[in-house]
Amino acid sequence: MTAAGTRARVRAALTREIVDAARRHLATDGAAGLSLRAVARELGMASSAVYRYFPSRDELLTTLIVEAYDALEEAAEKAARHGLRARLHAACGAVRSWALAQPHEYALVYGSPVPGYAAPQATIGPAARVGVVLSRIVAEGVAAGVVDPGTGGADAALAPGAAEAVGLPVDPEATVGARVVQVWTALFGLISFEVFGQLHNVVDRREEFFHDAVERLGDLLGLPAE
């Protein structure tokens, strides 16, 4: 291996160590308390050395945010691939399981905004990935003729190109794209209420509650019963 290749491997390994350490600090100190100096102390590095990898706290936060979105999408994408409704249940359940297992990372992307942090363009695509997974399930149903695109014109409210980008009908008179967005937002509302403790003294059997809610979301999407 060339000297340049060795340096690249060392840099990649150190970058990974910094990100992993930052994730541990996220769990103990929260996003607002994340500090490059504290990360450097944990790794036994000079703070100036860490700044060579991440010039600012915000760049490190952005990496954590993008990785969290990627992990959510990966969890949803790996879900079972049987019937459309079973896939919806598997995808939604996988996202919920990830969120409950990684509450601090979930809070980073779906909790309160981090003071002083402005999300850059690099986070926009990753933020939509779970929505894309849900859209693909519905788009396959539309293509197979088992999901009705609907009428009423709710899709006229979507951003230009949003439906086309995920394979949904490009028809302002349809409702299927709007229904996907409604389900996407409802899914994260359900999960956020559970992760952030708003279901205490309200719902005891949460697995059953979540399953029933996803059934209702499947009805909204028009997915055939299985």
C-alpha atoms as a PDB file:
ATOM      1  CA  MET A   1       0.000   0.000   0.000  1.00  0.00           C
ATOM      2  CA  THR A   2       1.224   3.496  -0.828  1.00  0.00           C
ATOM      3  CA  ALA A   3       1.970   6.100   1.809  1.00  0.00           C
ATOM      4  CA  ALA A   4      -1.086   8.050   0.637  1.00  0.00           C
ATOM      5  CA  GLY A   5      -3.268   4.956   1.060  1.00  0.00           C
ATOM      6  CA  THR A   6      -1.933   4.376   4.563  1.00  0.00           C
ATOM      7  CA  ARG A   7      -2.635   7.987   5.520  1.00  0.00           C
ATOM      8  CA  ALA A   8      -6.170   7.709   4.161  1.00  0.00           C
ATOM      9  CA  ARG A   9      -6.823   4.570   6.228  1.00  0.00           C
ATOM     10  CA  VAL A  10      -5.443   6.214   9.371  1.00  0.00           C
ATOM     11  CA  ARG A  11      -7.554   9.305   8.763  1.00  0.00           C
ATOM     12  CA  ALA A  12     -10.704   7.208   8.212  1.00  0.00           C
ATOM     13  CA  ALA A  13     -10.041   5.223  11.404  1.00  0.00           C
ATOM     14  CA  LEU A  14      -9.503   8.366  13.484  1.00  0.00           C
ATOM     15  CA  THR A  15     -12.577  10.005  11.990  1.00  0.00           C
ATOM     16  CA  ARG A  16     -14.605   6.955  13.022  1.00  0.00           C
ATOM     17  CA  GLU A  17     -13.162   7.111  16.563  1.00  0.00           C
ATOM     18  CA  ILE A  18     -14.101  10.783  16.861  1.00  0.00           C
ATOM     19  CA  VAL A  19     -17.650  10.185  15.638  1.00  0.00           C
ATOM     20  CA  ASP A  20     -18.127   7.202  17.955  1.00  0.00           C
ATOM     21  CA  ALA A  21     -16.850   9.214  20.912  1.00  0.00           C
ATOM     22  CA  ALA A  22     -19.165  12.080  19.990  1.00  0.00           C
ATOM     23  CA  ARG A  23     -22.101   9.661  19.937  1.00  0.00           C
ATOM     24  CA  ARG A  24     -21.242   8.575  23.485  1.00  0.00           C
ATOM     25  CA  HIS A  25     -21.118  12.212  24.600  1.00  0.00           C
ATOM     26  CA  LEU A  26     -24.463  12.794  22.885  1.00  0.00           C
ATOM     27  CA  ALA A  27     -25.983  10.167  25.182  1.00  0.00           C
ATOM     28  CA  THR A  28     -24.590  11.772  28.336  1.00  0.00           C
ATOM     29  CA  ASP A  29     -24.490  15.494  27.541  1.00  0.00           C
ATOM     30  CA  GLY A  30     -27.101  15.952  24.807  1.00  0.00           C
ATOM     31  CA  ALA A  31     -26.582  17.669  21.475  1.00  0.00           C
ATOM     32  CA  ALA A  32     -26.367  21.140  23.010  1.00  0.00           C
ATOM     33  CA  GLY A  33     -23.580  19.974  25.340  1.00  0.00           C
ATOM     34  CA  LEU A  34     -21.482  18.299  22.647  1.00  0.00           C
ATOM     35  CA  SER A  35     -17.930  19.669  22.756  1.00  0.00           C
ATOM     36  CA  LEU A  36     -14.988  18.946  20.476  1.00  0.00           C
ATOM     37  CA  ARG A  37     -12.658  19.569  23.409  1.00  0.00           C
ATOM     38  CA  ALA A  38     -14.434  16.947  25.523  1.00  0.00           C
ATOM     39  CA  VAL A  39     -14.257  14.458  22.665  1.00  0.00           C
ATOM     40  CA  ALA A  40     -10.557  15.186  22.281  1.00  0.00           C
ATOM     41  CA  ARG A  41      -9.958  14.620  25.999  1.00  0.00           C
ATOM     42  CA  GLU A  42     -11.696  11.236  25.892  1.00  0.00           C
ATOM     43  CA  LEU A  43      -9.542  10.132  22.958  1.00  0.00           C
ATOM     44  CA  GLY A  44      -6.334  11.491  24.452  1.00  0.00           C
ATOM     45  CA  MET A  45      -5.882  13.876  21.537  1.00  0.00           C
ATOM     46  CA  ALA A  46      -5.058  17.536  21.406  1.00  0.00           C
ATOM     47  CA  SER A  47      -8.152  19.573  20.585  1.00  0.00           C
ATOM     48  CA  SER A  48      -6.258  21.078  17.648  1.00  0.00           C
ATOM     49  CA  ALA A  49      -5.893  17.574  16.195  1.00  0.00           C
ATOM     50  CA  VAL A  50      -9.649  16.960  16.348  1.00  0.00           C
ATOM     51  CA  TYR A  51     -10.275  20.281  14.604  1.00  0.00           C
ATOM     52  CA  ARG A  52      -8.275  18.975  11.641  1.00  0.00           C
ATOM     53  CA  TYR A  53     -10.988  16.339  11.154  1.00  0.00           C
ATOM     54  CA  PHE A  54     -13.995  18.432  12.141  1.00  0.00           C
ATOM     55  CA  PRO A  55     -13.358  22.187  11.938  1.00  0.00           C
ATOM     56  CA  SER A  56     -16.416  22.947  14.079  1.00  0.00           C
ATOM     57  CA  ARG A  57     -18.906  21.348  16.437  1.00  0.00           C
ATOM     58  CA  ASP A  58     -21.595  21.871  13.815  1.00  0.00           C
ATOM     59  CA  GLU A  59     -19.754  19.730  11.263  1.00  0.00           C
ATOM     60  CA  LEU A  60     -19.524  16.938  13.807  1.00  0.00           C
ATOM     61  CA  LEU A  61     -23.233  17.335  14.618  1.00  0.00           C
ATOM     62  CA  THR A  62     -24.052  17.161  10.916  1.00  0.00           C
ATOM     63  CA  THR A  63     -22.158  13.866  10.619  1.00  0.00           C
ATOM     64  CA  LEU A  64     -24.084  12.460  13.594  1.00  0.00           C
ATOM     65  CA  ILE A  65     -27.389  13.635  12.129  1.00  0.00           C
ATOM     66  CA  VAL A  66     -26.731  12.147   8.683  1.00  0.00           C
ATOM     67  CA  GLU A  67     -25.621   8.847  10.243  1.00  0.00           C
ATOM     68  CA  ALA A  68     -28.778   8.749  12.372  1.00  0.00           C
ATOM     69  CA  TYR A  69     -30.985   9.280   9.319  1.00  0.00           C
ATOM     70  CA  ASP A  70     -28.994   6.629   7.441  1.00  0.00           C
ATOM     71  CA  ALA A  71     -29.489   4.156  10.292  1.00  0.00           C
ATOM     72  CA  LEU A  72     -33.237   4.805  10.351  1.00  0.00           C
ATOM     73  CA  GLU A  73     -33.475   4.251   6.601  1.00  0.00           C
ATOM     74  CA  GLU A  74     -31.377   1.092   6.800  1.00  0.00           C
ATOM     75  CA  ALA A  75     -33.612  -0.294   9.546  1.00  0.00           C
ATOM     76  CA  ALA A  76     -36.722   0.398   7.457  1.00  0.00           C
ATOM     77  CA  GLU A  77     -35.185  -0.908   4.222  1.00  0.00           C
ATOM     78  CA  LYS A  78     -34.130  -4.207   5.778  1.00  0.00           C
ATOM     79  CA  ALA A  79     -37.683  -4.889   6.920  1.00  0.00           C
ATOM     80  CA  ALA A  80     -39.602  -7.917   5.629  1.00  0.00           C
ATOM     81  CA  ARG A  81     -40.490  -7.895   1.937  1.00  0.00           C
ATOM     82  CA  HIS A  82     -43.742  -9.837   1.730  1.00  0.00           C
ATOM     83  CA  GLY A  83     -47.150  -8.279   1.077  1.00  0.00           C
ATOM     84  CA  LEU A  84     -47.498  -4.499   0.993  1.00  0.00           C
ATOM     85  CA  ARG A  85     -49.198  -4.219   4.381  1.00  0.00           C
ATOM     86  CA  ALA A  86     -46.719  -6.627   5.975  1.00  0.00           C
ATOM     87  CA  ARG A  87     -43.891  -4.501   4.585  1.00  0.00           C
ATOM     88  CA  LEU A  88     -45.464  -1.379   6.061  1.00  0.00           C
ATOM     89  CA  HIS A  89     -45.661  -3.058   9.472  1.00  0.00           C
ATOM     90  CA  ALA A  90     -42.088  -4.305   9.204  1.00  0.00           C
ATOM     91  CA  ALA A  91     -40.694  -0.935   8.101  1.00  0.00           C
ATOM     92  CA  CYS A  92     -42.576   1.048  10.763  1.00  0.00           C
ATOM     93  CA  GLY A  93     -41.701  -1.491  13.455  1.00  0.00           C
ATOM     94  CA  ALA A  94     -38.022  -1.384  12.506  1.00  0.00           C
ATOM     95  CA  VAL A  95     -37.944   2.413  12.756  1.00  0.00           C
ATOM     96  CA  ARG A  96     -39.663   2.271  16.162  1.00  0.00           C
ATOM     97  CA  SER A  97     -37.241  -0.378  17.441  1.00  0.00           C
ATOM     98  CA  TRP A  98     -34.247   1.694  16.338  1.00  0.00           C
ATOM     99  CA  ALA A  99     -35.637   4.809  18.007  1.00  0.00           C
ATOM    100  CA  LEU A 100     -36.303   3.020  21.303  1.00  0.00           C
ATOM    101  CA  ALA A 101     -32.812   1.490  21.265  1.00  0.00           C
ATOM    102  CA  GLN A 102     -31.079   4.792  20.328  1.00  0.00           C
ATOM    103  CA  PRO A 103     -33.203   7.486  22.033  1.00  0.00           C
ATOM    104  CA  HIS A 104     -30.428  10.082  22.141  1.00  0.00           C
ATOM    105  CA  GLU A 105     -29.727   9.796  18.421  1.00  0.00           C
ATOM    106  CA  TYR A 106     -33.458   9.857  17.712  1.00  0.00           C
ATOM    107  CA  ALA A 107     -33.742  13.009  19.827  1.00  0.00           C
ATOM    108  CA  LEU A 108     -30.910  14.564  17.822  1.00  0.00           C
ATOM    109  CA  VAL A 109     -32.963  14.389  14.612  1.00  0.00           C
ATOM    110  CA  TYR A 110     -36.562  14.514  15.904  1.00  0.00           C
ATOM    111  CA  GLY A 111     -36.247  16.301  19.239  1.00  0.00           C
ATOM    112  CA  SER A 112     -35.817  19.971  20.094  1.00  0.00           C
ATOM    113  CA  PRO A 113     -33.592  21.986  17.736  1.00  0.00           C
ATOM    114  CA  VAL A 114     -29.979  22.300  18.855  1.00  0.00           C
ATOM    115  CA  PRO A 115     -29.319  25.928  19.920  1.00  0.00           C
ATOM    116  CA  GLY A 116     -27.104  27.701  17.418  1.00  0.00           C
ATOM    117  CA  TYR A 117     -27.110  24.854  14.892  1.00  0.00           C
ATOM    118  CA  ALA A 118     -28.486  25.383  11.383  1.00  0.00           C
ATOM    119  CA  ALA A 119     -28.935  22.136   9.458  1.00  0.00           C
ATOM    120  CA  PRO A 120     -27.026  22.301   6.158  1.00  0.00           C
ATOM    121  CA  GLN A 121     -28.143  21.024   2.750  1.00  0.00           C
ATOM    122  CA  ALA A 122     -26.361  17.726   3.412  1.00  0.00           C
ATOM    123  CA  THR A 123     -29.051  16.696   5.921  1.00  0.00           C
ATOM    124  CA  ILE A 124     -32.071  17.257   3.641  1.00  0.00           C
ATOM    125  CA  GLY A 125     -31.768  14.100   1.530  1.00  0.00           C
ATOM    126  CA  PRO A 126     -31.100  11.794   4.490  1.00  0.00           C
ATOM    127  CA  ALA A 127     -34.052  13.288   6.390  1.00  0.00           C
ATOM    128  CA  ALA A 128     -36.442  12.061   3.672  1.00  0.00           C
ATOM    129  CA  ARG A 129     -35.220   8.470   3.458  1.00  0.00           C
ATOM    130  CA  VAL A 130     -37.844   6.802   5.643  1.00  0.00           C
ATOM    131  CA  GLY A 131     -40.484   8.676   3.664  1.00  0.00           C
ATOM    132  CA  VAL A 132     -38.943   7.278   0.488  1.00  0.00           C
ATOM    133  CA  VAL A 133     -39.154   3.719   1.861  1.00  0.00           C
ATOM    134  CA  LEU A 134     -42.861   4.225   2.640  1.00  0.00           C
ATOM    135  CA  SER A 135     -43.419   5.769  -0.796  1.00  0.00           C
ATOM    136  CA  ARG A 136     -41.878   2.794  -2.561  1.00  0.00           C
ATOM    137  CA  ILE A 137     -44.268   0.408  -0.834  1.00  0.00           C
ATOM    138  CA  VAL A 138     -47.252   2.490  -1.957  1.00  0.00           C
ATOM    139  CA  ALA A 139     -45.857   3.114  -5.444  1.00  0.00           C
ATOM    140  CA  GLU A 140     -45.604  -0.643  -6.000  1.00  0.00           C
ATOM    141  CA  GLY A 141     -49.237  -0.982  -4.952  1.00  0.00           C
ATOM    142  CA  VAL A 142     -50.299   1.733  -7.393  1.00  0.00           C
ATOM    143  CA  ALA A 143     -48.279   0.126 -10.205  1.00  0.00           C
ATOM    144  CA  ALA A 144     -49.882  -3.251  -9.451  1.00  0.00           C
ATOM    145  CA  GLY A 145     -53.356  -1.722  -9.499  1.00  0.00           C
ATOM    146  CA  VAL A 146     -54.139  -2.614  -5.873  1.00  0.00           C
ATOM    147  CA  VAL A 147     -53.749   0.896  -4.386  1.00  0.00           C
ATOM    148  CA  ASP A 148     -56.110   3.623  -5.590  1.00  0.00           C
ATOM    149  CA  PRO A 149     -54.360   6.960  -6.293  1.00  0.00           C
ATOM    150  CA  GLY A 150     -57.548   8.628  -5.080  1.00  0.00           C
ATOM    151  CA  THR A 151     -59.311  11.794  -6.104  1.00  0.00           C
ATOM    152  CA  GLY A 152     -59.868  15.120  -4.437  1.00  0.00           C
ATOM    153  CA  GLY A 153     -56.713  16.995  -5.297  1.00  0.00           C
ATOM    154  CA  ALA A 154     -54.712  16.791  -2.058  1.00  0.00           C
ATOM    155  CA  ASP A 155     -51.572  16.034  -4.070  1.00  0.00           C
ATOM    156  CA  ALA A 156     -51.698  19.558  -5.489  1.00  0.00           C
ATOM    157  CA  ALA A 157     -50.247  20.672  -2.139  1.00  0.00           C
ATOM    158  CA  LEU A 158     -47.030  18.674  -2.658  1.00  0.00           C
ATOM    159  CA  ALA A 159     -43.776  20.293  -3.705  1.00  0.00           C
ATOM    160  CA  PRO A 160     -43.057  20.076  -7.447  1.00  0.00           C
ATOM    161  CA  GLY A 161     -41.301  16.822  -8.299  1.00  0.00           C
ATOM    162  CA  ALA A 162     -41.932  15.219  -4.893  1.00  0.00           C
ATOM    163  CA  ALA A 163     -44.278  12.497  -6.156  1.00  0.00           C
ATOM    164  CA  GLU A 164     -42.283  11.820  -9.310  1.00  0.00           C
ATOM    165  CA  ALA A 165     -39.047  11.381  -7.319  1.00  0.00           C
ATOM    166  CA  VAL A 166     -40.460   8.358  -5.469  1.00  0.00           C
ATOM    167  CA  GLY A 167     -42.448   6.805  -8.299  1.00  0.00           C
ATOM    168  CA  LEU A 168     -45.900   8.013  -7.243  1.00  0.00           C
ATOM    169  CA  PRO A 169     -48.455   9.293  -9.781  1.00  0.00           C
ATOM    170  CA  VAL A 170     -47.821  12.880 -10.845  1.00  0.00           C
ATOM    171  CA  ASP A 171     -51.439  13.998 -10.758  1.00  0.00           C
ATOM    172  CA  PRO A 172     -52.632  17.064  -8.838  1.00  0.00           C
ATOM    173  CA  GLU A 173     -56.109  15.495  -8.684  1.00  0.00           C
ATOM    174  CA  ALA A 174     -54.799  12.431  -6.794  1.00  0.00           C
ATOM    175  CA  THR A 175     -54.387  12.016  -3.029  1.00  0.00           C
ATOM    176  CA  VAL A 176     -51.902   9.159  -2.743  1.00  0.00           C
ATOM    177  CA  GLY A 177     -48.804  11.343  -2.348  1.00  0.00           C
ATOM    178  CA  ALA A 178     -50.449  13.432   0.353  1.00  0.00           C
ATOM    179  CA  ARG A 179     -51.543  10.251   2.125  1.00  0.00           C
ATOM    180  CA  VAL A 180     -47.948   9.002   2.176  1.00  0.00           C
ATOM    181  CA  VAL A 181     -46.810  12.284   3.767  1.00  0.00           C
ATOM    182  CA  GLN A 182     -49.622  12.048   6.320  1.00  0.00           C
ATOM    183  CA  VAL A 183     -48.554   8.515   7.234  1.00  0.00           C
ATOM    184  CA  TRP A 184     -44.888   9.533   7.386  1.00  0.00           C
ATOM    185  CA  THR A 185     -45.630  12.349   9.825  1.00  0.00           C
ATOM    186  CA  ALA A 186     -48.046  10.205  11.847  1.00  0.00           C
ATOM    187  CA  LEU A 187     -45.421   7.458  12.178  1.00  0.00           C
ATOM    188  CA  PHE A 188     -42.892   9.810  13.733  1.00  0.00           C
ATOM    189  CA  GLY A 189     -45.580  11.371  15.905  1.00  0.00           C
ATOM    190  CA  LEU A 190     -46.361   7.921  17.322  1.00  0.00           C
ATOM    191  CA  ILE A 191     -42.694   7.150  17.883  1.00  0.00           C
ATOM    192  CA  SER A 192     -41.884  10.554  19.366  1.00  0.00           C
ATOM    193  CA  PHE A 193     -44.714  10.297  21.888  1.00  0.00           C
ATOM    194  CA  GLU A 194     -43.324   6.965  23.032  1.00  0.00           C
ATOM    195  CA  VAL A 195     -39.625   7.912  23.036  1.00  0.00           C
ATOM    196  CA  PHE A 196     -40.210  11.207  24.845  1.00  0.00           C
ATOM    197  CA  GLY A 197     -42.531   9.753  27.493  1.00  0.00           C
ATOM    198  CA  GLN A 198     -45.853  11.254  26.440  1.00  0.00           C
ATOM    199  CA  LEU A 199     -47.604   7.879  26.566  1.00  0.00           C
ATOM    200  CA  HIS A 200     -46.991   7.419  30.299  1.00  0.00           C
ATOM    201  CA  ASN A 201     -50.291   6.848  32.137  1.00  0.00           C
ATOM    202  CA  VAL A 202     -52.030   6.745  28.756  1.00  0.00           C
ATOM    203  CA  VAL A 203     -50.942   3.538  26.969  1.00  0.00           C
ATOM    204  CA  ASP A 204     -49.702   0.440  28.795  1.00  0.00           C
ATOM    205  CA  ARG A 205     -49.625  -2.164  25.998  1.00  0.00           C
ATOM    206  CA  ARG A 206     -47.506  -0.171  23.619  1.00  0.00           C
ATOM    207  CA  GLU A 207     -46.578  -2.884  21.140  1.00  0.00           C
ATOM    208  CA  GLU A 208     -50.253  -3.662  20.618  1.00  0.00           C
ATOM    209  CA  PHE A 209     -51.113   0.029  20.421  1.00  0.00           C
ATOM    210  CA  PHE A 210     -48.421   0.666  17.798  1.00  0.00           C
ATOM    211  CA  HIS A 211     -49.463  -2.338  15.705  1.00  0.00           C
ATOM    212  CA  ASP A 212     -53.075  -1.164  15.660  1.00  0.00           C
ATOM    213  CA  ALA A 213     -52.004   2.367  14.728  1.00  0.00           C
ATOM    214  CA  VAL A 214     -49.967   1.074  11.789  1.00  0.00           C
ATOM    215  CA  GLU A 215     -53.007  -0.935  10.673  1.00  0.00           C
ATOM    216  CA  ARG A 216     -54.976   2.314  10.568  1.00  0.00           C
ATOM    217  CA  LEU A 217     -52.144   3.957   8.613  1.00  0.00           C
ATOM    218  CA  GLY A 218     -52.276   1.069   6.162  1.00  0.00           C
ATOM    219  CA  ASP A 219     -55.982   1.759   5.725  1.00  0.00           C
ATOM    220  CA  LEU A 220     -55.244   5.418   5.036  1.00  0.00           C
ATOM    221  CA  LEU A 221     -52.745   4.415   2.354  1.00  0.00           C
ATOM    222  CA  GLY A 222     -55.265   2.066   0.822  1.00  0.00           C
ATOM    223  CA  LEU A 223     -53.052  -0.995   1.164  1.00  0.00           C
ATOM    224  CA  PRO A 224     -54.959  -4.249   0.624  1.00  0.00           C
ATOM    225  CA  ALA A 225     -55.737  -6.325   3.707  1.00  0.00           C
ATOM    226  CA  GLU A 226     -53.712  -9.498   4.199  1.00  0.00           C
END
